[in-house]
Protein backbone atom coordinates (compact mmCIF):
# COMPACT_ATOMS: atom_id res chain seq x y z
CA MET A 1 -8.98 -24.04 19.41
CA ALA A 2 -12.51 -23.12 20.50
CA GLU A 3 -13.84 -23.39 16.95
CA LYS A 4 -12.14 -26.77 16.46
CA ARG A 5 -13.52 -28.03 19.76
CA SER A 6 -17.00 -26.79 18.89
CA ALA A 7 -16.91 -28.67 15.58
CA GLU A 8 -15.75 -31.83 17.34
CA ASN A 9 -18.58 -31.46 19.92
CA GLY A 10 -21.12 -31.11 17.12
CA GLU A 11 -19.88 -34.33 15.52
CA ALA A 12 -19.95 -36.13 18.89
CA ASP A 13 -23.52 -34.96 19.58
CA ALA A 14 -24.61 -36.30 16.20
CA VAL A 15 -23.03 -39.68 16.92
CA VAL A 16 -24.70 -39.87 20.35
CA GLU A 17 -28.06 -38.93 18.89
CA ARG A 18 -27.80 -41.65 16.25
CA ALA A 19 -26.79 -44.23 18.90
CA ARG A 20 -29.79 -43.31 21.08
CA GLU A 21 -32.12 -43.56 18.11
CA ASN A 22 -30.79 -47.04 17.32
CA ALA A 23 -31.12 -48.09 20.98
CA ASP A 24 -34.71 -46.80 21.09
CA ALA A 25 -35.54 -48.68 17.89
CA ILE A 26 -34.10 -51.91 19.28
CA LEU A 27 -35.99 -51.44 22.56
CA GLU A 28 -39.23 -50.83 20.70
CA SER A 29 -38.75 -53.93 18.59
CA ALA A 30 -38.00 -56.04 21.70
CA ARG A 31 -41.13 -54.76 23.39
CA GLU A 32 -43.25 -55.64 20.39
CA ASP A 33 -41.86 -59.21 20.48
CA ALA A 34 -42.61 -59.39 24.24
CA ASP A 35 -46.14 -58.18 23.70
CA GLN A 36 -46.79 -60.99 21.27
CA ARG A 37 -45.57 -63.66 23.75
CA LEU A 38 -47.43 -62.36 26.84
CA PRO A 39 -50.91 -63.77 27.70
CA PRO A 40 -53.68 -61.36 26.70
CA THR A 41 -54.86 -60.48 30.23
CA ALA A 42 -55.61 -57.02 31.66
CA LYS A 43 -53.45 -57.66 34.73
CA ALA A 44 -50.42 -58.65 32.66
CA ALA A 45 -50.86 -55.61 30.34
CA ALA A 46 -51.09 -53.23 33.35
CA LEU A 47 -48.01 -54.75 35.01
CA LEU A 48 -46.07 -54.52 31.75
CA ALA A 49 -47.07 -50.85 31.19
CA GLU A 50 -46.00 -49.94 34.74
CA THR A 51 -42.64 -51.69 34.31
CA ARG A 52 -42.00 -50.00 31.01
CA THR A 53 -42.88 -46.57 32.42
CA THR A 54 -40.36 -47.12 35.21
CA GLU A 55 -37.70 -48.26 32.76
CA ASP A 56 -38.33 -45.24 30.52
CA GLU A 57 -38.04 -42.86 33.49
CA VAL A 58 -34.76 -44.46 34.57
CA LEU A 59 -33.44 -44.20 31.03
CA ARG A 60 -34.50 -40.57 30.75
CA LYS A 61 -32.74 -39.72 34.03
CA GLN A 62 -29.57 -41.53 32.95
CA ARG A 63 -29.49 -39.68 29.67
CA ALA A 64 -30.17 -36.35 31.37
CA ALA A 65 -27.36 -37.02 33.84
CA ALA A 66 -25.00 -37.92 31.01
CA ASP A 67 -25.95 -34.75 29.08
CA SER A 68 -25.48 -32.61 32.20
CA ALA A 69 -22.06 -34.10 32.86
CA LEU A 70 -21.09 -33.51 29.27
CA GLU A 71 -22.22 -29.90 29.40
CA GLN A 72 -20.23 -29.31 32.55
CA GLU A 73 -17.18 -30.84 30.94
CA ARG A 74 -17.58 -28.63 27.88
CA ALA A 75 -18.11 -25.52 30.05
CA GLU A 76 -14.94 -26.33 31.96
CA CYS A 77 -13.10 -26.72 28.66
CA ILE A 78 -14.32 -23.29 27.51
CA ARG A 79 -13.15 -21.75 30.76
CA THR A 80 -9.76 -23.37 30.34
CA LEU A 81 -9.47 -22.02 26.78
CA ALA A 82 -10.55 -18.57 27.98
CA GLY A 83 -7.79 -18.72 30.56
CA LEU A 84 -5.24 -19.65 27.93
CA PHE A 85 -6.20 -16.76 25.64
CA PRO A 86 -4.71 -13.91 27.79
CA LEU A 87 -1.53 -15.91 28.18
CA GLU A 88 -1.27 -16.37 24.42
CA ARG A 89 -2.01 -12.72 23.82
CA GLU A 90 0.60 -11.66 26.35
CA LYS A 91 3.16 -13.86 24.62
CA THR A 92 2.21 -12.40 21.21
CA ASP A 93 2.41 -8.84 22.55
CA ARG A 94 5.89 -9.52 23.88
CA HIS A 95 6.97 -10.79 20.44
CA LEU A 96 5.37 -7.77 18.76
CA LEU A 97 7.18 -5.34 21.08
CA THR A 98 10.45 -7.11 20.40
CA GLU A 99 9.92 -7.06 16.63
CA ARG A 100 8.81 -3.43 16.74
CA ALA A 101 11.92 -2.44 18.63
CA ARG A 102 14.04 -4.29 16.08
CA ALA A 103 12.18 -2.66 13.21
CA ASP A 104 12.60 0.81 14.76
CA ASP A 105 16.31 0.19 15.21
CA ALA A 106 16.59 -1.02 11.60
CA VAL A 107 14.77 2.09 10.28
CA ALA A 108 16.94 4.38 12.40
CA GLN A 109 20.09 2.64 11.14
CA ARG A 110 18.83 2.87 7.56
CA ASP A 111 18.17 6.59 7.88
CA ASP A 112 21.58 7.18 9.41
CA PHE A 113 23.18 5.10 6.68
CA LEU A 114 21.36 7.03 3.94
CA GLY A 115 22.36 10.31 5.49
CA ILE A 116 26.03 9.35 5.69
CA LEU A 117 25.99 7.72 2.26
CA SER A 118 24.30 10.69 0.58
CA HIS A 119 26.74 13.12 2.18
CA ASP A 120 29.78 11.10 1.04
CA LEU A 121 28.34 10.46 -2.43
CA ARG A 122 27.51 14.11 -2.95
CA ASN A 123 31.05 15.06 -1.92
CA LEU A 124 32.38 12.63 -4.50
CA LEU A 125 29.97 13.91 -7.11
CA GLY A 126 31.08 17.44 -6.37
CA ALA A 127 34.69 16.45 -6.99
CA ILE A 128 33.68 14.68 -10.24
CA VAL A 129 31.78 17.73 -11.48
CA LEU A 130 34.65 20.04 -10.61
CA SER A 131 37.16 17.79 -12.41
CA ALA A 132 34.87 17.59 -15.49
CA ASN A 133 34.64 21.38 -15.61
CA ILE A 134 38.41 21.76 -15.31
CA LEU A 135 38.94 19.23 -18.13
CA SER A 136 36.50 21.12 -20.34
CA LEU A 137 38.17 24.48 -19.64
CA ALA A 138 41.71 23.12 -20.09
CA SER A 139 41.03 21.16 -23.27
CA GLY A 140 42.02 23.98 -25.63
CA ASP A 141 41.26 23.75 -29.37
CA GLY A 142 41.25 20.93 -31.88
CA PRO A 143 39.41 17.62 -32.41
CA VAL A 144 40.72 16.11 -29.20
CA ALA A 145 39.64 19.15 -27.26
CA ALA A 146 36.16 18.90 -28.76
CA GLN A 147 35.91 15.25 -27.75
CA THR A 148 37.11 16.15 -24.26
CA ALA A 149 34.47 18.87 -23.97
CA VAL A 150 31.73 16.44 -25.10
CA GLY A 151 32.93 13.87 -22.58
CA GLY A 152 32.95 16.49 -19.86
CA GLN A 153 29.35 17.47 -20.60
CA ARG A 154 28.39 13.77 -20.55
CA ILE A 155 29.98 13.42 -17.10
CA LEU A 156 28.08 16.43 -15.86
CA ARG A 157 24.77 14.98 -17.10
CA TYR A 158 25.46 11.66 -15.41
CA ALA A 159 26.47 13.37 -12.21
CA ALA A 160 23.27 15.40 -12.25
CA ARG A 161 21.20 12.21 -12.64
CA MET A 162 23.06 10.55 -9.79
CA ASN A 163 22.47 13.61 -7.61
CA ARG A 164 18.73 13.48 -8.38
CA LEU A 165 18.60 9.76 -7.53
CA ILE A 166 20.33 10.39 -4.19
CA GLY A 167 17.86 13.18 -3.50
CA ASP A 168 14.95 10.88 -4.29
CA LEU A 169 16.20 8.20 -1.91
CA LEU A 170 16.57 10.78 0.87
CA ASP A 171 13.10 12.10 0.17
CA VAL A 172 11.62 8.61 0.42
CA ALA A 173 13.37 8.08 3.73
CA SER A 174 12.03 11.42 4.98
CA ILE A 175 8.49 10.61 3.81
CA ASP A 176 8.56 7.20 5.54
CA ALA A 177 9.82 8.84 8.75
CA GLY A 178 7.24 11.62 8.54
CA THR A 179 9.95 14.28 8.44
CA LEU A 180 9.54 15.66 4.92
CA SER A 181 10.46 19.34 5.31
CA LEU A 182 8.72 22.24 3.56
CA HIS A 183 9.81 25.88 3.49
CA LYS A 184 6.66 27.70 2.49
CA GLU A 185 6.54 31.26 1.22
CA ARG A 186 3.93 33.36 -0.50
CA CYS A 187 4.59 33.50 -4.22
CA ASP A 188 2.89 33.83 -7.60
CA MET A 189 2.34 30.29 -8.87
CA ARG A 190 2.45 31.56 -12.48
CA GLU A 191 6.17 32.29 -11.95
CA VAL A 192 6.71 28.73 -10.66
CA ALA A 193 4.98 27.26 -13.73
CA GLY A 194 6.91 29.54 -16.07
CA GLU A 195 10.25 28.63 -14.49
CA ALA A 196 9.49 24.90 -14.79
CA ALA A 197 8.55 25.28 -18.47
CA ASP A 198 11.72 27.27 -19.25
CA SER A 199 13.84 24.57 -17.65
CA PHE A 200 12.47 21.80 -19.88
CA ARG A 201 11.70 23.56 -23.15
CA THR A 202 15.07 22.70 -24.60
CA ALA A 203 14.72 19.03 -23.63
CA ALA A 204 11.24 18.88 -25.24
CA GLU A 205 12.46 20.51 -28.46
CA ALA A 206 15.37 18.09 -28.62
CA LYS A 207 12.85 15.28 -28.84
CA GLY A 208 10.70 17.10 -31.40
CA LEU A 209 8.03 18.14 -28.93
CA ALA A 210 6.44 21.52 -28.28
CA LEU A 211 5.96 22.74 -24.71
CA GLU A 212 3.01 25.12 -24.38
CA VAL A 213 2.33 27.13 -21.23
CA LEU A 214 -1.18 28.42 -20.38
CA LEU A 215 -1.25 30.81 -17.47
CA ALA A 216 -3.98 32.88 -15.83
CA GLU A 217 -3.90 36.63 -16.45
CA GLN A 218 -4.26 37.51 -12.75
CA PRO A 219 -1.63 36.66 -10.09
CA LEU A 220 -2.12 33.27 -8.43
CA GLU A 221 -0.86 33.85 -4.90
CA ALA A 222 -0.38 30.77 -2.70
CA GLU A 223 1.74 29.56 0.22
CA GLY A 224 4.09 26.86 -0.96
CA ASP A 225 7.62 25.53 -1.05
CA ARG A 226 8.85 26.86 -4.34
CA GLY A 227 11.65 24.30 -4.68
CA ARG A 228 9.38 21.36 -3.87
CA LEU A 229 6.67 22.53 -6.30
CA LEU A 230 9.35 22.88 -9.00
CA GLN A 231 10.39 19.31 -8.14
CA VAL A 232 6.84 18.06 -8.70
CA LEU A 233 6.50 19.92 -12.00
CA ALA A 234 9.92 18.64 -13.11
CA ASN A 235 8.81 15.06 -12.47
CA LEU A 236 5.53 15.51 -14.36
CA ILE A 237 7.10 17.29 -17.34
CA THR A 238 9.99 14.84 -17.52
CA ASN A 239 7.55 11.91 -17.61
CA ALA A 240 5.50 13.65 -20.27
CA ILE A 241 8.60 14.09 -22.43
CA LYS A 242 9.76 10.55 -21.75
CA PHE A 243 6.52 8.86 -22.84
CA THR A 244 5.53 11.15 -25.72
CA ASN A 245 6.85 10.70 -29.25
CA GLY A 246 5.31 13.69 -30.95
CA GLY A 247 2.91 16.58 -30.45
CA THR A 248 2.51 19.28 -27.83
CA ILE A 249 2.83 19.04 -24.07
CA THR A 250 0.71 21.58 -22.23
CA LEU A 251 1.41 23.04 -18.80
CA SER A 252 -1.42 25.12 -17.34
CA CYS A 253 -1.88 26.98 -14.12
CA ALA A 254 -5.19 28.51 -13.05
CA ARG A 255 -7.35 29.24 -10.04
CA VAL A 256 -10.23 26.78 -9.41
CA GLY A 257 -12.39 27.90 -6.51
CA GLU A 258 -10.18 28.12 -3.42
CA GLN A 259 -7.39 26.13 -5.08
CA VAL A 260 -4.55 26.81 -7.46
CA SER A 261 -4.54 24.06 -10.06
CA PHE A 262 -1.58 22.87 -12.13
CA ALA A 263 -2.05 20.43 -15.03
CA VAL A 264 0.46 18.72 -17.33
CA ARG A 265 -1.15 17.21 -20.44
CA ASP A 266 0.62 15.06 -23.01
CA PRO A 267 -0.48 13.10 -26.11
CA GLY A 268 1.73 10.15 -25.17
CA ILE A 269 1.17 6.43 -24.85
CA GLY A 270 -1.24 6.75 -21.92
CA ILE A 271 -1.86 4.54 -18.93
CA PRO A 272 -4.42 1.70 -18.65
CA GLN A 273 -7.32 2.76 -16.45
CA ALA A 274 -6.74 -0.16 -14.07
CA LEU A 275 -3.19 1.03 -13.42
CA CYS A 276 -3.83 4.74 -12.87
CA ALA A 277 -3.87 4.34 -9.09
CA SER A 278 -0.69 2.25 -9.17
CA VAL A 279 1.51 4.93 -10.76
CA PHE A 280 1.84 6.73 -7.41
CA GLU A 281 3.28 3.67 -5.66
CA ARG A 282 6.93 3.37 -4.85
CA PHE A 283 9.15 1.77 -7.53
CA TRP A 284 6.25 1.43 -9.91
CA GLN A 285 7.29 1.02 -13.56
CA VAL A 286 5.31 1.04 -16.81
CA GLY A 287 6.57 -2.46 -17.58
CA LYS A 288 8.69 -5.16 -16.00
CA ASN A 289 11.61 -4.39 -18.31
CA ASP A 290 11.22 -0.61 -18.26
CA ARG A 291 14.32 1.12 -16.92
CA ARG A 292 13.48 4.76 -17.65
CA GLY A 293 13.74 5.74 -13.99
CA VAL A 294 13.42 3.98 -10.63
CA GLY A 295 9.73 4.67 -10.04
CA LEU A 296 10.01 7.14 -7.19
CA GLY A 297 9.13 10.43 -8.86
CA LEU A 298 5.35 10.22 -8.73
CA TYR A 299 5.38 8.74 -5.21
CA ILE A 300 7.49 11.65 -3.96
CA SER A 301 5.41 14.14 -5.92
CA ARG A 302 2.15 13.00 -4.39
CA SER A 303 3.73 13.08 -0.90
CA ILE A 304 4.91 16.67 -1.49
CA ILE A 305 1.44 17.78 -2.65
CA ASP A 306 -0.18 15.98 0.30
CA ALA A 307 2.14 17.88 2.63
CA HIS A 308 0.88 21.13 1.02
CA GLY A 309 -2.69 20.10 1.80
CA GLY A 310 -3.50 19.45 -1.83
CA ALA A 311 -4.08 16.47 -4.12
CA LEU A 312 -2.37 14.92 -7.16
CA VAL A 313 -4.46 12.86 -9.57
CA VAL A 314 -4.18 11.43 -13.08
CA GLU A 315 -6.59 10.93 -15.96
CA SER A 316 -5.37 8.79 -18.83
CA GLU A 317 -6.41 6.71 -21.80
CA VAL A 318 -4.19 4.29 -23.65
CA GLY A 319 -3.05 5.75 -26.95
CA LYS A 320 -4.43 9.21 -26.25
CA GLY A 321 -2.22 10.54 -23.52
CA SER A 322 -2.36 11.50 -19.84
CA THR A 323 -3.21 14.52 -17.71
CA PHE A 324 -1.64 14.89 -14.30
CA THR A 325 -3.33 17.53 -12.15
CA PHE A 326 -2.43 18.79 -8.73
CA THR A 327 -3.94 21.49 -6.54
CA ILE A 328 -2.78 23.45 -3.52
CA PRO A 329 -4.79 25.91 -1.38
CA ALA A 330 -4.75 29.43 -2.71
CA SER A 331 -3.84 32.31 -0.38
């Protein structure tokens, strides 16, 4: 309002200034005409000069009084606006408090809902897995039994994927709420890297990929949540397998200064440089129609490493592959 009023005042001042200039020009022209009609005597000229001086002084005082009144009016307007501002802010603050309370309630309800939903879904998944195992064991011999066993294994794979998705959703809720839990213990990070590689070597070979592990010769002791670090490595290795069509994926673990550094390198499709920072955002996908995941893995992974006091970064080039590196403080 103040800015709008100031602009309006500027326009009004310009209009007044132009009107005064026009009035002065008309007055000057009228005086020139009067001078030509007056008799050329010294007394007449003196009387005319005195009269004009008086008129000019009266005009100056009138204009000064008008300007002073205008300034007072504008100052009063500014004081009025300044008085309105705290009222407007108070109203806005009330709205913000109301909306914040609603948002907090919504978040709390969401977290409660996710907790209940995940518990119930995992119970159902447990029953599905148990039933699939029973079917596999009771299938016996023969072609039908073989098909039943294959179907049971497929059910187990789908159930495992659903369980991971539920875990990811719970992790996101915990991260948003600032309650991501870590259970740190001192361990040799070479063992963590080796366990992660062993878990995915079969999956890599099934796609025609080699999984190479490069570990330091000396123990790499660090305080960390073993399960969470395995979760991060699982996400990175899974992505490497997913977006690589041939070659060797390398997992390395070494000490760099006061940090233990893990790196997963792949010769896959790579990521455009402009999108490297975006891959750690929630629900980010390589493409609009890409459905190889829900886009939570890297977001959760970075949050886990941040909670360890480390950092997760990526270096990539389209067509040449990517390298995801994360560090945690060494013991």
